[in-house]
Amino acid sequence: MTHASDIRLWHTLTFADADAAMTWLRAIGFVEHATYRDEADPALVMHAEWVWPEGGGIMFGSRRPGAAVDNAGGSAAYLVTADPDAVFDKAVAAGASVLREMVEQDYGGRGGSVADPEGNHWSFGDYQPGGA
């Protein structure tokens, strides 16, 4: 399990519907570390930190005026996992759209891509740059 204090790079996203995004993230395997909501409007996520158990983490919040990132649906991430087929299947079952089916990649490993329910591009694979 990755500990939030060990992570030195956090990919950052914005979601139009952060609660729906959290449901999707949980379904594929992300684990909530912290989620801070607006006191006046608890529907707004001001800042959230979720970790990927195999290493890494993401930060995100609700789309809102003044947010540092305002590109809901415009992000992309590559997620390394020991079982990319399982994560891919969980993502699709939770509402993602298939962009590229899972295949053996020319550069090594197996991978595929989906768009999450808001349109962010997620690639899942077992190729680890610099790995053996």
Protein backbone atom coordinates (compact mmCIF):
# COMPACT_ATOMS: atom_id res chain seq x y z
CA MET A 1 0.00 0.00 0.00
CA THR A 2 1.28 3.41 -0.94
CA HIS A 3 1.29 5.87 1.92
CA ALA A 4 0.33 9.43 1.08
CA SER A 5 3.45 10.71 2.84
CA ASP A 6 5.68 8.70 0.45
CA ILE A 7 4.18 10.16 -2.75
CA ARG A 8 6.16 12.95 -4.38
CA LEU A 9 4.13 13.44 -7.57
CA TRP A 10 0.36 13.90 -7.51
CA HIS A 11 -1.55 13.97 -10.79
CA THR A 12 -4.27 16.65 -10.53
CA LEU A 13 -7.79 16.57 -11.98
CA THR A 14 -11.02 18.53 -11.79
CA PHE A 15 -14.43 16.90 -11.93
CA ALA A 16 -17.81 18.45 -12.72
CA ASP A 17 -19.38 15.84 -10.40
CA ALA A 18 -16.75 14.95 -7.80
CA ASP A 19 -19.05 12.57 -5.91
CA ALA A 20 -19.69 10.52 -9.06
CA ALA A 21 -15.97 10.58 -9.81
CA MET A 22 -15.18 9.29 -6.32
CA THR A 23 -17.60 6.42 -6.84
CA TRP A 24 -15.80 5.55 -10.09
CA LEU A 25 -12.32 5.94 -8.57
CA ARG A 26 -13.27 3.68 -5.66
CA ALA A 27 -14.69 1.10 -8.08
CA ILE A 28 -11.38 0.79 -9.94
CA GLY A 29 -9.32 0.55 -6.76
CA PHE A 30 -8.27 4.02 -5.60
CA VAL A 31 -8.34 4.53 -1.84
CA GLU A 32 -9.45 7.78 -0.21
CA HIS A 33 -6.79 9.43 1.92
CA ALA A 34 -8.49 12.79 2.49
CA THR A 35 -11.45 14.72 1.11
CA TYR A 36 -12.23 18.30 2.14
CA ARG A 37 -15.58 19.84 1.25
CA ASP A 38 -16.86 23.41 1.18
CA GLU A 39 -18.48 24.16 4.55
CA ALA A 40 -21.24 26.25 2.94
CA ASP A 41 -21.88 23.79 0.10
CA PRO A 42 -20.81 20.24 1.00
CA ALA A 43 -21.54 19.13 -2.58
CA LEU A 44 -18.31 20.90 -3.57
CA VAL A 45 -15.06 19.04 -3.03
CA MET A 46 -12.41 21.68 -2.40
CA HIS A 47 -9.49 19.25 -2.26
CA ALA A 48 -9.17 15.48 -2.24
CA GLU A 49 -6.18 13.14 -2.05
CA TRP A 50 -6.62 9.51 -3.13
CA VAL A 51 -3.88 6.92 -3.41
CA TRP A 52 -3.31 4.08 -5.83
CA PRO A 53 -2.43 1.04 -3.68
CA GLU A 54 0.32 -0.06 -6.09
CA GLY A 55 2.00 3.35 -5.91
CA GLY A 56 1.09 6.97 -6.57
CA GLY A 57 -1.81 9.26 -5.97
CA ILE A 58 -4.13 11.85 -7.42
CA MET A 59 -5.48 15.15 -6.14
CA PHE A 60 -8.74 16.55 -7.37
CA GLY A 61 -11.65 18.83 -6.63
CA SER A 62 -14.93 20.07 -7.99
CA ARG A 63 -15.02 22.45 -10.93
CA ARG A 64 -15.66 25.86 -9.44
CA PRO A 65 -14.66 29.49 -9.93
CA GLY A 66 -11.15 30.18 -8.75
CA ALA A 67 -10.02 26.55 -8.81
CA ALA A 68 -6.39 26.02 -9.77
CA VAL A 69 -7.36 23.48 -12.45
CA ASP A 70 -10.48 23.91 -14.57
CA ASN A 71 -10.35 21.21 -17.23
CA ALA A 72 -13.01 18.72 -16.17
CA GLY A 73 -12.79 15.85 -18.62
CA GLY A 74 -9.55 17.08 -20.15
CA SER A 75 -6.92 15.12 -18.23
CA ALA A 76 -5.03 11.93 -18.98
CA ALA A 77 -3.19 9.47 -16.75
CA TYR A 78 -1.29 6.20 -17.10
CA LEU A 79 -1.88 3.81 -14.22
CA VAL A 80 0.60 0.98 -13.68
CA THR A 81 -0.94 -2.14 -12.20
CA ALA A 82 -0.03 -5.81 -11.91
CA ASP A 83 -3.42 -6.75 -13.36
CA PRO A 84 -4.41 -4.20 -16.01
CA ASP A 85 -7.19 -6.38 -17.39
CA ALA A 86 -8.94 -6.46 -14.02
CA VAL A 87 -8.68 -2.67 -13.57
CA PHE A 88 -9.83 -2.11 -17.17
CA ASP A 89 -12.86 -4.36 -16.59
CA LYS A 90 -13.72 -2.61 -13.32
CA ALA A 91 -13.46 0.78 -15.02
CA VAL A 92 -15.81 -0.23 -17.83
CA ALA A 93 -18.23 -1.88 -15.40
CA ALA A 94 -18.29 1.39 -13.43
CA GLY A 95 -19.21 3.48 -16.49
CA ALA A 96 -16.03 4.14 -18.48
CA SER A 97 -16.03 4.05 -22.28
CA VAL A 98 -13.45 1.91 -24.07
CA LEU A 99 -10.97 3.98 -26.10
CA ARG A 100 -8.41 1.23 -26.81
CA GLU A 101 -8.97 -2.43 -26.00
CA MET A 102 -6.43 -4.25 -23.85
CA VAL A 103 -3.57 -5.56 -26.03
CA GLU A 104 0.07 -6.54 -25.77
CA GLN A 105 2.03 -3.35 -26.46
CA ASP A 106 4.97 -3.16 -28.92
CA TYR A 107 7.09 -1.45 -26.25
CA GLY A 108 6.34 -4.12 -23.66
CA GLY A 109 3.60 -4.99 -21.27
CA ARG A 110 -0.12 -5.12 -21.74
CA GLY A 111 -2.37 -2.10 -21.76
CA GLY A 112 -5.56 -0.39 -22.84
CA SER A 113 -7.42 2.89 -22.36
CA VAL A 114 -10.81 4.16 -21.30
CA ALA A 115 -12.54 7.50 -20.84
CA ASP A 116 -14.00 7.91 -17.37
CA PRO A 117 -17.62 9.12 -17.11
CA GLU A 118 -16.42 12.75 -17.45
CA GLY A 119 -14.14 12.05 -20.42
CA ASN A 120 -10.71 11.90 -18.76
CA HIS A 121 -8.39 9.48 -20.56
CA TRP A 122 -7.07 6.65 -18.37
CA SER A 123 -4.58 4.09 -19.64
CA PHE A 124 -4.04 0.95 -17.59
CA GLY A 125 -1.01 -1.24 -18.10
CA ASP A 126 1.61 -3.42 -16.52
CA TYR A 127 4.46 -1.72 -18.42
CA GLN A 128 6.64 0.02 -15.85
CA PRO A 129 9.12 2.46 -17.42
CA GLY A 130 12.58 1.51 -16.22
CA GLY A 131 11.28 -1.81 -14.89
CA ALA A 132 12.81 -5.19 -15.52
